[in-house]
């Protein structure tokens, strides 16, 4: 009688553990904030908008980081008032 082979987890399932379902694109950010896509690229260049990162030549945003950025901006506006 042979022992069964160990069950291997799907590597993609392991990756999904700490990652969002889908990263956001500059188009997504532009729609969310109702600004032109060029504004999103300028924010990234000047480091003034939500933090993004590059995957090769593609700019992406983690939804959790975008949410934290919005919360931070709302808090800063309330403190200034």
Foldseek 3Di string as FASTA:
>chain_A
DDDDDDDDDDVVVVVCPPADPDWAFLVRVCVVVVHDSVVSVVCAVVVNAQDWDDDDPGITHGPVSNVVRVVVVVVVVVVVD
